[in-house]
């Protein structure tokens, strides 16, 4: 199990590696299974993926845009199988 501080460090390192992200562009939303990396935008980007730092492992999971962030927060156990570890690709 990781702590909130560890999740913050994992998310910061991950988000800094993405183009056009700064610390003010995102924040963490805690839920029982981990932390959703939530972007601060007035309008969500069409086709944008969602990311979760999992509480048990510290692994970052990527979810396709058709899985709404609210579903991730409320139904993680049901949608977790549709996510991919961030270092994986659908072809691997």
C-alpha atoms as a PDB file:
ATOM      1  CA  UNK A   1       0.000   0.000   0.000  1.00  0.00           C
ATOM      2  CA  UNK A   2       1.259   3.432  -0.849  1.00  0.00           C
ATOM      3  CA  UNK A   3       0.589   6.664   0.994  1.00  0.00           C
ATOM      4  CA  UNK A   4      -0.939   9.868  -0.351  1.00  0.00           C
ATOM      5  CA  UNK A   5       2.530  11.470  -0.358  1.00  0.00           C
ATOM      6  CA  UNK A   6       3.933   8.611  -2.420  1.00  0.00           C
ATOM      7  CA  UNK A   7       0.988   8.842  -4.834  1.00  0.00           C
ATOM      8  CA  UNK A   8       1.660  12.566  -5.226  1.00  0.00           C
ATOM      9  CA  UNK A   9       5.320  11.898  -6.114  1.00  0.00           C
ATOM     10  CA  UNK A  10       4.402   9.121  -8.571  1.00  0.00           C
ATOM     11  CA  UNK A  11       1.800  11.321 -10.268  1.00  0.00           C
ATOM     12  CA  UNK A  12       4.126  14.331 -10.434  1.00  0.00           C
ATOM     13  CA  UNK A  13       6.888  12.300 -12.087  1.00  0.00           C
ATOM     14  CA  UNK A  14       4.410  10.806 -14.552  1.00  0.00           C
ATOM     15  CA  UNK A  15       2.716  14.090 -15.421  1.00  0.00           C
ATOM     16  CA  UNK A  16       6.015  15.930 -15.856  1.00  0.00           C
ATOM     17  CA  UNK A  17       6.917  13.382 -18.535  1.00  0.00           C
ATOM     18  CA  UNK A  18       3.806  14.284 -20.550  1.00  0.00           C
ATOM     19  CA  UNK A  19       3.978  17.238 -22.942  1.00  0.00           C
ATOM     20  CA  UNK A  20       2.293  20.514 -21.964  1.00  0.00           C
ATOM     21  CA  UNK A  21       1.652  19.635 -18.317  1.00  0.00           C
ATOM     22  CA  UNK A  22       2.515  21.706 -15.289  1.00  0.00           C
ATOM     23  CA  UNK A  23       1.766  21.111 -11.615  1.00  0.00           C
ATOM     24  CA  UNK A  24      -1.212  23.442 -11.785  1.00  0.00           C
ATOM     25  CA  UNK A  25      -2.777  21.485 -14.666  1.00  0.00           C
ATOM     26  CA  UNK A  26      -3.767  18.537 -12.471  1.00  0.00           C
ATOM     27  CA  UNK A  27      -4.563  17.339  -8.958  1.00  0.00           C
ATOM     28  CA  UNK A  28      -5.270  14.018  -7.261  1.00  0.00           C
ATOM     29  CA  UNK A  29      -8.763  12.831  -6.323  1.00  0.00           C
ATOM     30  CA  UNK A  30      -8.594  10.094  -3.731  1.00  0.00           C
ATOM     31  CA  UNK A  31     -10.978   7.150  -3.832  1.00  0.00           C
ATOM     32  CA  UNK A  32     -10.839   3.751  -2.077  1.00  0.00           C
ATOM     33  CA  UNK A  33      -8.647   2.008  -4.671  1.00  0.00           C
ATOM     34  CA  UNK A  34      -6.244   4.878  -5.323  1.00  0.00           C
ATOM     35  CA  UNK A  35      -6.005   8.369  -6.741  1.00  0.00           C
ATOM     36  CA  UNK A  36      -7.403   9.674 -10.005  1.00  0.00           C
ATOM     37  CA  UNK A  37      -5.066  12.129 -11.708  1.00  0.00           C
ATOM     38  CA  UNK A  38      -7.634  14.794 -12.528  1.00  0.00           C
ATOM     39  CA  UNK A  39      -6.807  17.557 -14.969  1.00  0.00           C
ATOM     40  CA  UNK A  40      -7.946  21.079 -14.219  1.00  0.00           C
ATOM     41  CA  UNK A  41      -9.836  22.155 -17.311  1.00  0.00           C
ATOM     42  CA  UNK A  42     -13.070  23.987 -17.840  1.00  0.00           C
ATOM     43  CA  UNK A  43     -13.950  21.634 -20.677  1.00  0.00           C
ATOM     44  CA  UNK A  44     -12.652  18.046 -20.782  1.00  0.00           C
ATOM     45  CA  UNK A  45     -10.624  17.202 -23.857  1.00  0.00           C
ATOM     46  CA  UNK A  46     -12.398  14.896 -26.281  1.00  0.00           C
ATOM     47  CA  UNK A  47     -10.586  11.580 -26.469  1.00  0.00           C
ATOM     48  CA  UNK A  48      -8.378  12.264 -23.454  1.00  0.00           C
ATOM     49  CA  UNK A  49      -7.358   9.266 -21.360  1.00  0.00           C
ATOM     50  CA  UNK A  50      -7.714   9.126 -17.576  1.00  0.00           C
ATOM     51  CA  UNK A  51      -4.976   7.955 -15.231  1.00  0.00           C
ATOM     52  CA  UNK A  52      -5.064   6.328 -11.787  1.00  0.00           C
ATOM     53  CA  UNK A  53      -2.319   5.708  -9.248  1.00  0.00           C
ATOM     54  CA  UNK A  54      -3.353   2.414  -7.662  1.00  0.00           C
ATOM     55  CA  UNK A  55      -3.247   2.313  -3.865  1.00  0.00           C
ATOM     56  CA  UNK A  56      -2.082  -1.316  -3.584  1.00  0.00           C
ATOM     57  CA  UNK A  57       0.845  -1.159  -6.001  1.00  0.00           C
ATOM     58  CA  UNK A  58       1.582   2.466  -6.923  1.00  0.00           C
ATOM     59  CA  UNK A  59       1.133   1.448 -10.557  1.00  0.00           C
ATOM     60  CA  UNK A  60      -0.318   4.013 -12.948  1.00  0.00           C
ATOM     61  CA  UNK A  61      -3.252   2.736 -14.968  1.00  0.00           C
ATOM     62  CA  UNK A  62      -4.491   4.429 -18.140  1.00  0.00           C
ATOM     63  CA  UNK A  63      -8.173   4.318 -19.051  1.00  0.00           C
ATOM     64  CA  UNK A  64      -9.621   5.094 -22.486  1.00  0.00           C
ATOM     65  CA  UNK A  65     -11.817   8.128 -22.918  1.00  0.00           C
ATOM     66  CA  UNK A  66     -15.025   6.095 -23.146  1.00  0.00           C
ATOM     67  CA  UNK A  67     -14.643   5.307 -19.427  1.00  0.00           C
ATOM     68  CA  UNK A  68     -15.682   8.513 -17.714  1.00  0.00           C
ATOM     69  CA  UNK A  69     -13.663   9.632 -14.679  1.00  0.00           C
ATOM     70  CA  UNK A  70     -16.810   9.448 -12.538  1.00  0.00           C
ATOM     71  CA  UNK A  71     -17.107   5.722 -13.379  1.00  0.00           C
ATOM     72  CA  UNK A  72     -13.495   5.201 -12.377  1.00  0.00           C
ATOM     73  CA  UNK A  73     -14.164   6.873  -9.033  1.00  0.00           C
ATOM     74  CA  UNK A  74     -17.425   5.055  -8.348  1.00  0.00           C
ATOM     75  CA  UNK A  75     -16.995   1.682 -10.117  1.00  0.00           C
ATOM     76  CA  UNK A  76     -13.253   0.989 -10.150  1.00  0.00           C
ATOM     77  CA  UNK A  77     -13.549  -2.747  -9.553  1.00  0.00           C
ATOM     78  CA  UNK A  78     -15.843  -3.046 -12.593  1.00  0.00           C
ATOM     79  CA  UNK A  79     -13.726  -0.922 -14.968  1.00  0.00           C
ATOM     80  CA  UNK A  80     -10.212  -1.848 -13.809  1.00  0.00           C
ATOM     81  CA  UNK A  81      -9.884  -4.645 -16.381  1.00  0.00           C
ATOM     82  CA  UNK A  82     -10.352  -2.101 -19.178  1.00  0.00           C
ATOM     83  CA  UNK A  83      -7.322  -0.122 -18.051  1.00  0.00           C
ATOM     84  CA  UNK A  84      -3.716  -0.640 -19.102  1.00  0.00           C
ATOM     85  CA  UNK A  85      -0.555  -0.053 -17.094  1.00  0.00           C
ATOM     86  CA  UNK A  86       0.889   3.206 -18.460  1.00  0.00           C
ATOM     87  CA  UNK A  87       3.991   1.456 -19.772  1.00  0.00           C
ATOM     88  CA  UNK A  88       1.929  -1.010 -21.822  1.00  0.00           C
ATOM     89  CA  UNK A  89       0.290  -0.598 -25.166  1.00  0.00           C
ATOM     90  CA  UNK A  90      -2.710  -2.401 -26.647  1.00  0.00           C
ATOM     91  CA  UNK A  91      -0.394  -4.147 -29.115  1.00  0.00           C
ATOM     92  CA  UNK A  92       1.863  -5.663 -26.425  1.00  0.00           C
END
